[in-house]
PDB file of all heavy atoms in Angstrom:
ATOM      1  N   LYS A   1     -85.239 -14.506 -61.848  1.00  0.00           N
ATOM      2  CA  LYS A   1     -86.076 -14.996 -62.899  1.00  0.00           C
ATOM      3  C   LYS A   1     -85.901 -14.320 -64.194  1.00  0.00           C
ATOM      4  O   LYS A   1     -85.512 -13.095 -64.262  1.00  0.00           O
ATOM      5  CB  LYS A   1     -87.641 -14.849 -62.478  1.00  0.00           C
ATOM      6  CG  LYS A   1     -88.051 -15.603 -61.286  1.00  0.00           C
ATOM      7  CD  LYS A   1     -89.487 -15.362 -60.936  1.00  0.00           C
ATOM      8  CE  LYS A   1     -89.891 -16.252 -59.818  1.00  0.00           C
ATOM      9  NZ  LYS A   1     -91.343 -15.955 -59.437  1.00  0.00           N
ATOM     10  N   PRO A   2     -85.993 -15.027 -65.325  1.00  0.00           N
ATOM     11  CA  PRO A   2     -85.831 -14.352 -66.678  1.00  0.00           C
ATOM     12  C   PRO A   2     -87.133 -13.462 -66.855  1.00  0.00           C
ATOM     13  O   PRO A   2     -88.165 -13.595 -66.211  1.00  0.00           O
ATOM     14  CB  PRO A   2     -85.869 -15.550 -67.565  1.00  0.00           C
ATOM     15  CG  PRO A   2     -86.678 -16.669 -66.960  1.00  0.00           C
ATOM     16  CD  PRO A   2     -86.256 -16.531 -65.540  1.00  0.00           C
ATOM     17  N   ILE A   3     -86.877 -12.503 -67.738  1.00  0.00           N
ATOM     18  CA  ILE A   3     -88.059 -11.613 -68.004  1.00  0.00           C
ATOM     19  C   ILE A   3     -89.065 -12.341 -68.866  1.00  0.00           C
ATOM     20  O   ILE A   3     -88.798 -13.204 -69.608  1.00  0.00           O
ATOM     21  CB  ILE A   3     -87.576 -10.299 -68.707  1.00  0.00           C
ATOM     22  CG1 ILE A   3     -86.937 -10.517 -70.107  1.00  0.00           C
ATOM     23  CG2 ILE A   3     -86.637  -9.532 -67.863  1.00  0.00           C
ATOM     24  CD1 ILE A   3     -86.646  -9.367 -70.845  1.00  0.00           C
ATOM     25  N   LYS A   4     -90.324 -11.985 -68.740  1.00  0.00           N
ATOM     26  CA  LYS A   4     -91.430 -12.438 -69.504  1.00  0.00           C
ATOM     27  C   LYS A   4     -91.603 -11.780 -70.852  1.00  0.00           C
ATOM     28  O   LYS A   4     -91.107 -10.771 -71.072  1.00  0.00           O
ATOM     29  CB  LYS A   4     -92.666 -12.462 -68.732  1.00  0.00           C
ATOM     30  CG  LYS A   4     -92.644 -13.108 -67.391  1.00  0.00           C
ATOM     31  CD  LYS A   4     -93.970 -13.008 -66.673  1.00  0.00           C
ATOM     32  CE  LYS A   4     -94.386 -11.574 -66.361  1.00  0.00           C
ATOM     33  NZ  LYS A   4     -95.583 -11.465 -65.586  1.00  0.00           N
ATOM     34  N   SER A   5     -92.322 -12.388 -71.729  1.00  0.00           N
ATOM     35  CA  SER A   5     -92.554 -11.711 -73.040  1.00  0.00           C
ATOM     36  C   SER A   5     -93.280 -10.455 -72.906  1.00  0.00           C
ATOM     37  O   SER A   5     -92.994  -9.485 -73.620  1.00  0.00           O
ATOM     38  CB  SER A   5     -93.401 -12.681 -73.885  1.00  0.00           C
ATOM     39  OG  SER A   5     -94.591 -13.056 -73.343  1.00  0.00           O
ATOM     40  N   SER A   6     -94.152 -10.270 -71.885  1.00  0.00           N
ATOM     41  CA  SER A   6     -94.795  -9.051 -71.680  1.00  0.00           C
ATOM     42  C   SER A   6     -93.868  -7.940 -71.237  1.00  0.00           C
ATOM     43  O   SER A   6     -93.970  -6.746 -71.608  1.00  0.00           O
ATOM     44  CB  SER A   6     -96.030  -9.204 -70.610  1.00  0.00           C
ATOM     45  OG  SER A   6     -95.417  -9.561 -69.334  1.00  0.00           O
ATOM     46  N   GLU A   7     -92.895  -8.315 -70.310  1.00  0.00           N
ATOM     47  CA  GLU A   7     -91.868  -7.330 -69.977  1.00  0.00           C
ATOM     48  C   GLU A   7     -90.999  -6.831 -71.103  1.00  0.00           C
ATOM     49  O   GLU A   7     -90.622  -5.661 -71.232  1.00  0.00           O
ATOM     50  CB  GLU A   7     -91.003  -7.913 -68.878  1.00  0.00           C
ATOM     51  CG  GLU A   7     -91.760  -8.204 -67.560  1.00  0.00           C
ATOM     52  CD  GLU A   7     -90.943  -8.921 -66.583  1.00  0.00           C
ATOM     53  OE1 GLU A   7     -90.576 -10.066 -66.813  1.00  0.00           O
ATOM     54  OE2 GLU A   7     -90.836  -8.352 -65.406  1.00  0.00           O
ATOM     55  N   ALA A   8     -90.654  -7.777 -72.011  1.00  0.00           N
ATOM     56  CA  ALA A   8     -89.747  -7.433 -73.161  1.00  0.00           C
ATOM     57  C   ALA A   8     -90.512  -6.473 -74.149  1.00  0.00           C
ATOM     58  O   ALA A   8     -90.091  -5.598 -74.606  1.00  0.00           O
ATOM     59  CB  ALA A   8     -89.314  -8.656 -73.868  1.00  0.00           C
ATOM     60  N   PHE A   9     -91.930  -6.830 -74.296  1.00  0.00           N
ATOM     61  CA  PHE A   9     -92.711  -6.023 -75.232  1.00  0.00           C
ATOM     62  C   PHE A   9     -92.958  -4.667 -74.595  1.00  0.00           C
ATOM     63  O   PHE A   9     -92.871  -3.651 -75.228  1.00  0.00           O
ATOM     64  CB  PHE A   9     -94.038  -6.766 -75.392  1.00  0.00           C
ATOM     65  CG  PHE A   9     -94.975  -6.109 -76.368  1.00  0.00           C
ATOM     66  CD1 PHE A   9     -94.831  -6.429 -77.684  1.00  0.00           C
ATOM     67  CD2 PHE A   9     -95.888  -5.189 -75.918  1.00  0.00           C
ATOM     68  CE1 PHE A   9     -95.714  -5.871 -78.628  1.00  0.00           C
ATOM     69  CE2 PHE A   9     -96.812  -4.567 -76.819  1.00  0.00           C
ATOM     70  CZ  PHE A   9     -96.636  -4.877 -78.170  1.00  0.00           C
ATOM     71  N   TYR A  10     -93.111  -4.601 -73.249  1.00  0.00           N
ATOM     72  CA  TYR A  10     -93.210  -3.360 -72.502  1.00  0.00           C
ATOM     73  C   TYR A  10     -92.095  -2.513 -72.710  1.00  0.00           C
ATOM     74  O   TYR A  10     -92.235  -1.238 -72.911  1.00  0.00           O
ATOM     75  CB  TYR A  10     -93.576  -3.630 -71.043  1.00  0.00           C
ATOM     76  CG  TYR A  10     -93.644  -2.474 -70.162  1.00  0.00           C
ATOM     77  CD1 TYR A  10     -94.860  -1.742 -70.033  1.00  0.00           C
ATOM     78  CD2 TYR A  10     -92.498  -1.948 -69.591  1.00  0.00           C
ATOM     79  CE1 TYR A  10     -95.005  -0.671 -69.198  1.00  0.00           C
ATOM     80  CE2 TYR A  10     -92.637  -0.748 -68.812  1.00  0.00           C
ATOM     81  CZ  TYR A  10     -93.873  -0.197 -68.519  1.00  0.00           C
ATOM     82  OH  TYR A  10     -94.026   0.918 -67.670  1.00  0.00           O
ATOM     83  N   MET A  11     -90.886  -3.035 -72.609  1.00  0.00           N
ATOM     84  CA  MET A  11     -89.624  -2.173 -72.797  1.00  0.00           C
ATOM     85  C   MET A  11     -89.589  -1.525 -74.221  1.00  0.00           C
ATOM     86  O   MET A  11     -89.179  -0.530 -74.352  1.00  0.00           O
ATOM     87  CB  MET A  11     -88.436  -3.098 -72.408  1.00  0.00           C
ATOM     88  CG  MET A  11     -88.215  -3.446 -70.990  1.00  0.00           C
ATOM     89  SD  MET A  11     -86.607  -4.171 -70.649  1.00  0.00           S
ATOM     90  CE  MET A  11     -86.792  -5.816 -71.484  1.00  0.00           C
ATOM     91  N   ALA A  12     -89.994  -2.406 -75.204  1.00  0.00           N
ATOM     92  CA  ALA A  12     -89.915  -1.977 -76.579  1.00  0.00           C
ATOM     93  C   ALA A  12     -90.966  -0.918 -76.942  1.00  0.00           C
ATOM     94  O   ALA A  12     -90.950  -0.327 -78.044  1.00  0.00           O
ATOM     95  CB  ALA A  12     -90.070  -3.173 -77.475  1.00  0.00           C
ATOM     96  N   THR A  13     -92.085  -0.761 -76.050  1.00  0.00           N
ATOM     97  CA  THR A  13     -93.119   0.193 -76.394  1.00  0.00           C
ATOM     98  C   THR A  13     -93.327   1.096 -75.195  1.00  0.00           C
ATOM     99  O   THR A  13     -92.697   2.162 -75.265  1.00  0.00           O
ATOM    100  CB  THR A  13     -94.447  -0.697 -76.563  1.00  0.00           C
ATOM    101  OG1 THR A  13     -94.679  -1.576 -75.512  1.00  0.00           O
ATOM    102  CG2 THR A  13     -94.396  -1.564 -77.856  1.00  0.00           C
ATOM    103  N   LYS A  14     -94.114   0.928 -74.250  1.00  0.00           N
ATOM    104  CA  LYS A  14     -94.357   1.785 -73.291  1.00  0.00           C
ATOM    105  C   LYS A  14     -93.219   2.165 -72.268  1.00  0.00           C
ATOM    106  O   LYS A  14     -93.027   3.318 -71.932  1.00  0.00           O
ATOM    107  CB  LYS A  14     -95.547   1.349 -72.369  1.00  0.00           C
ATOM    108  CG  LYS A  14     -96.038   2.505 -71.378  1.00  0.00           C
ATOM    109  CD  LYS A  14     -97.269   1.932 -70.574  1.00  0.00           C
ATOM    110  CE  LYS A  14     -97.791   2.991 -69.649  1.00  0.00           C
ATOM    111  NZ  LYS A  14     -99.034   2.569 -68.937  1.00  0.00           N
ATOM    112  N   GLY A  15     -92.335   1.190 -72.073  1.00  0.00           N
ATOM    113  CA  GLY A  15     -91.162   1.474 -71.176  1.00  0.00           C
ATOM    114  C   GLY A  15     -90.241   2.531 -71.702  1.00  0.00           C
ATOM    115  O   GLY A  15     -89.829   3.425 -71.162  1.00  0.00           O
ATOM    116  N   GLY A  16     -89.904   2.447 -73.062  1.00  0.00           N
ATOM    117  CA  GLY A  16     -89.113   3.334 -73.756  1.00  0.00           C
ATOM    118  C   GLY A  16     -89.972   4.614 -74.105  1.00  0.00           C
ATOM    119  O   GLY A  16     -89.477   5.653 -74.189  1.00  0.00           O
ATOM    120  N   GLY A  17     -91.262   4.334 -74.366  1.00  0.00           N
ATOM    121  CA  GLY A  17     -92.103   5.435 -74.731  1.00  0.00           C
ATOM    122  C   GLY A  17     -92.217   6.511 -73.699  1.00  0.00           C
ATOM    123  O   GLY A  17     -92.509   7.705 -74.083  1.00  0.00           O
ATOM    124  N   LYS A  18     -92.077   6.177 -72.569  1.00  0.00           N
ATOM    125  CA  LYS A  18     -92.166   7.194 -71.404  1.00  0.00           C
ATOM    126  C   LYS A  18     -91.151   8.372 -71.656  1.00  0.00           C
ATOM    127  O   LYS A  18     -91.423   9.577 -71.144  1.00  0.00           O
ATOM    128  CB  LYS A  18     -91.915   6.571 -70.073  1.00  0.00           C
ATOM    129  CG  LYS A  18     -92.855   5.624 -69.501  1.00  0.00           C
ATOM    130  CD  LYS A  18     -92.465   5.110 -68.194  1.00  0.00           C
ATOM    131  CE  LYS A  18     -93.301   3.938 -67.699  1.00  0.00           C
ATOM    132  NZ  LYS A  18     -92.743   3.413 -66.398  1.00  0.00           N
ATOM    133  N   PHE A  19     -90.035   7.972 -72.344  1.00  0.00           N
ATOM    134  CA  PHE A  19     -89.136   9.042 -72.697  1.00  0.00           C
ATOM    135  C   PHE A  19     -89.783  10.213 -73.555  1.00  0.00           C
ATOM    136  O   PHE A  19     -89.274  11.421 -73.452  1.00  0.00           O
ATOM    137  CB  PHE A  19     -87.846   8.476 -73.301  1.00  0.00           C
ATOM    138  CG  PHE A  19     -86.739   9.488 -73.542  1.00  0.00           C
ATOM    139  CD1 PHE A  19     -85.852   9.685 -72.423  1.00  0.00           C
ATOM    140  CD2 PHE A  19     -86.496  10.044 -74.757  1.00  0.00           C
ATOM    141  CE1 PHE A  19     -84.706  10.619 -72.612  1.00  0.00           C
ATOM    142  CE2 PHE A  19     -85.432  10.962 -74.936  1.00  0.00           C
ATOM    143  CZ  PHE A  19     -84.607  11.193 -73.842  1.00  0.00           C
ATOM    144  N   PHE A  20     -90.673   9.870 -74.341  1.00  0.00           N
ATOM    145  CA  PHE A  20     -91.354  10.764 -75.269  1.00  0.00           C
ATOM    146  C   PHE A  20     -92.572  11.347 -74.642  1.00  0.00           C
ATOM    147  O   PHE A  20     -93.108  12.344 -75.239  1.00  0.00           O
ATOM    148  CB  PHE A  20     -91.639  10.089 -76.602  1.00  0.00           C
ATOM    149  CG  PHE A  20     -90.472   9.845 -77.402  1.00  0.00           C
ATOM    150  CD1 PHE A  20     -89.689   8.658 -77.283  1.00  0.00           C
ATOM    151  CD2 PHE A  20     -90.103  10.644 -78.531  1.00  0.00           C
ATOM    152  CE1 PHE A  20     -88.518   8.482 -78.047  1.00  0.00           C
ATOM    153  CE2 PHE A  20     -89.095  10.395 -79.268  1.00  0.00           C
ATOM    154  CZ  PHE A  20     -88.181   9.252 -79.056  1.00  0.00           C
ATOM    155  N   GLY A  21     -93.149  10.750 -73.584  1.00  0.00           N
ATOM    156  CA  GLY A  21     -94.365  11.183 -73.066  1.00  0.00           C
ATOM    157  C   GLY A  21     -95.370  10.068 -73.055  1.00  0.00           C
ATOM    158  O   GLY A  21     -95.074   8.942 -72.679  1.00  0.00           O
ATOM    159  N   LYS A  22     -96.606  10.373 -73.372  1.00  0.00           N
ATOM    160  CA  LYS A  22     -97.678   9.322 -73.540  1.00  0.00           C
ATOM    161  C   LYS A  22     -97.559   8.602 -74.875  1.00  0.00           C
ATOM    162  O   LYS A  22     -98.290   8.855 -75.875  1.00  0.00           O
ATOM    163  CB  LYS A  22     -99.034  10.029 -73.343  1.00  0.00           C
ATOM    164  CG  LYS A  22     -99.303  10.371 -71.906  1.00  0.00           C
ATOM    165  CD  LYS A  22    -100.728  10.835 -71.669  1.00  0.00           C
ATOM    166  CE  LYS A  22    -101.105  10.922 -70.231  1.00  0.00           C
ATOM    167  NZ  LYS A  22    -102.521  11.219 -70.017  1.00  0.00           N
ATOM    168  N   VAL A  23     -96.677   7.677 -74.973  1.00  0.00           N
ATOM    169  CA  VAL A  23     -96.280   6.929 -76.050  1.00  0.00           C
ATOM    170  C   VAL A  23     -96.092   5.544 -75.717  1.00  0.00           C
ATOM    171  O   VAL A  23     -95.572   5.100 -74.676  1.00  0.00           O
ATOM    172  CB  VAL A  23     -94.928   7.518 -76.771  1.00  0.00           C
ATOM    173  CG1 VAL A  23     -94.485   6.599 -77.819  1.00  0.00           C
ATOM    174  CG2 VAL A  23     -95.108   8.970 -77.220  1.00  0.00           C
ATOM    175  N   GLY A  24     -96.500   4.620 -76.692  1.00  0.00           N
ATOM    176  CA  GLY A  24     -96.249   3.079 -76.516  1.00  0.00           C
ATOM    177  C   GLY A  24     -97.360   2.392 -75.877  1.00  0.00           C
ATOM    178  O   GLY A  24     -97.150   1.279 -75.454  1.00  0.00           O
ATOM    179  N   SER A  25     -98.509   2.984 -75.789  1.00  0.00           N
ATOM    180  CA  SER A  25     -99.669   2.170 -75.345  1.00  0.00           C
ATOM    181  C   SER A  25    -100.947   2.515 -75.984  1.00  0.00           C
ATOM    182  O   SER A  25    -100.954   3.593 -76.782  1.00  0.00           O
ATOM    183  CB  SER A  25     -99.854   2.439 -73.808  1.00  0.00           C
ATOM    184  OG  SER A  25    -100.949   1.601 -73.284  1.00  0.00           O
ATOM    185  N   PHE A  26    -102.029   1.830 -75.857  1.00  0.00           N
ATOM    186  CA  PHE A  26    -103.369   2.258 -76.390  1.00  0.00           C
ATOM    187  C   PHE A  26    -104.389   2.770 -75.372  1.00  0.00           C
ATOM    188  O   PHE A  26    -105.499   2.714 -75.529  1.00  0.00           O
ATOM    189  CB  PHE A  26    -104.043   1.067 -77.250  1.00  0.00           C
ATOM    190  CG  PHE A  26    -103.301   0.684 -78.505  1.00  0.00           C
ATOM    191  CD1 PHE A  26    -103.284  -0.729 -78.868  1.00  0.00           C
ATOM    192  CD2 PHE A  26    -102.782   1.626 -79.299  1.00  0.00           C
ATOM    193  CE1 PHE A  26    -102.503  -0.989 -79.967  1.00  0.00           C
ATOM    194  CE2 PHE A  26    -102.089   1.324 -80.441  1.00  0.00           C
ATOM    195  CZ  PHE A  26    -101.963  -0.084 -80.912  1.00  0.00           C
ATOM    196  N   GLU A  27    -103.703   3.279 -74.243  1.00  0.00           N
ATOM    197  CA  GLU A  27    -104.586   3.908 -73.175  1.00  0.00           C
ATOM    198  C   GLU A  27    -105.036   5.330 -73.719  1.00  0.00           C
ATOM    199  O   GLU A  27    -104.402   5.956 -74.593  1.00  0.00           O
ATOM    200  CB  GLU A  27    -103.746   4.008 -72.012  1.00  0.00           C
ATOM    201  CG  GLU A  27    -103.329   2.644 -71.413  1.00  0.00           C
ATOM    202  CD  GLU A  27    -102.300   2.806 -70.321  1.00  0.00           C
ATOM    203  OE1 GLU A  27    -102.575   3.234 -69.224  1.00  0.00           O
ATOM    204  OE2 GLU A  27    -101.138   2.256 -70.691  1.00  0.00           O
ATOM    205  N   LYS A  28    -106.077   5.784 -73.025  1.00  0.00           N
ATOM    206  CA  LYS A  28    -106.717   7.066 -73.372  1.00  0.00           C
ATOM    207  C   LYS A  28    -105.580   8.156 -73.220  1.00  0.00           C
ATOM    208  O   LYS A  28    -104.829   8.246 -72.262  1.00  0.00           O
ATOM    209  CB  LYS A  28    -107.913   7.390 -72.398  1.00  0.00           C
ATOM    210  CG  LYS A  28    -108.560   8.676 -72.683  1.00  0.00           C
ATOM    211  CD  LYS A  28    -109.770   8.919 -71.769  1.00  0.00           C
ATOM    212  CE  LYS A  28    -110.452  10.213 -72.110  1.00  0.00           C
ATOM    213  NZ  LYS A  28    -111.575  10.469 -71.176  1.00  0.00           N
ATOM    214  N   GLY A  29    -105.573   9.027 -74.264  1.00  0.00           N
ATOM    215  CA  GLY A  29    -104.676  10.105 -74.248  1.00  0.00           C
ATOM    216  C   GLY A  29    -103.241   9.928 -74.740  1.00  0.00           C
ATOM    217  O   GLY A  29    -102.525  10.836 -74.919  1.00  0.00           O
ATOM    218  N   TYR A  30    -103.047   8.681 -75.133  1.00  0.00           N
ATOM    219  CA  TYR A  30    -101.766   8.375 -75.706  1.00  0.00           C
ATOM    220  C   TYR A  30    -101.619   8.648 -77.276  1.00  0.00           C
ATOM    221  O   TYR A  30    -102.806   8.608 -77.901  1.00  0.00           O
ATOM    222  CB  TYR A  30    -101.377   6.855 -75.466  1.00  0.00           C
ATOM    223  CG  TYR A  30    -100.736   6.554 -74.140  1.00  0.00           C
ATOM    224  CD1 TYR A  30    -101.461   6.779 -73.039  1.00  0.00           C
ATOM    225  CD2 TYR A  30     -99.370   6.087 -74.136  1.00  0.00           C
ATOM    226  CE1 TYR A  30    -100.758   6.455 -71.803  1.00  0.00           C
ATOM    227  CE2 TYR A  30     -98.776   5.865 -72.856  1.00  0.00           C
ATOM    228  CZ  TYR A  30     -99.531   6.065 -71.704  1.00  0.00           C
ATOM    229  OH  TYR A  30     -98.968   5.946 -70.511  1.00  0.00           O
ATOM    230  N   ASP A  31    -100.470   8.932 -77.716  1.00  0.00           N
ATOM    231  CA  ASP A  31    -100.361   9.192 -79.122  1.00  0.00           C
ATOM    232  C   ASP A  31    -100.751   7.857 -79.876  1.00  0.00           C
ATOM    233  O   ASP A  31    -100.303   6.740 -79.465  1.00  0.00           O
ATOM    234  CB  ASP A  31     -98.885   9.485 -79.602  1.00  0.00           C
ATOM    235  CG  ASP A  31     -98.462  10.866 -79.084  1.00  0.00           C
ATOM    236  OD1 ASP A  31     -99.300  11.508 -78.558  1.00  0.00           O
ATOM    237  OD2 ASP A  31     -97.182  11.152 -79.268  1.00  0.00           O
ATOM    238  N   PHE A  32    -101.482   7.965 -81.002  1.00  0.00           N
ATOM    239  CA  PHE A  32    -101.852   6.747 -81.737  1.00  0.00           C
ATOM    240  C   PHE A  32    -100.786   6.482 -82.769  1.00  0.00           C
ATOM    241  O   PHE A  32    -100.762   6.831 -83.889  1.00  0.00           O
ATOM    242  CB  PHE A  32    -103.150   6.857 -82.499  1.00  0.00           C
ATOM    243  CG  PHE A  32    -103.567   5.640 -83.032  1.00  0.00           C
ATOM    244  CD1 PHE A  32    -103.970   4.521 -82.335  1.00  0.00           C
ATOM    245  CD2 PHE A  32    -103.593   5.455 -84.391  1.00  0.00           C
ATOM    246  CE1 PHE A  32    -104.327   3.241 -82.872  1.00  0.00           C
ATOM    247  CE2 PHE A  32    -103.919   4.255 -85.074  1.00  0.00           C
ATOM    248  CZ  PHE A  32    -104.273   3.125 -84.288  1.00  0.00           C
TER     249      PHE A  32
END
């Protein structure tokens, strides 16, 4: 199956953000 827009957005934010730590999301404790 092709990737969905949420998966592509995730890769561009939280997916890559894991490399830096708590980055790429608006969850509690994440960098703003």
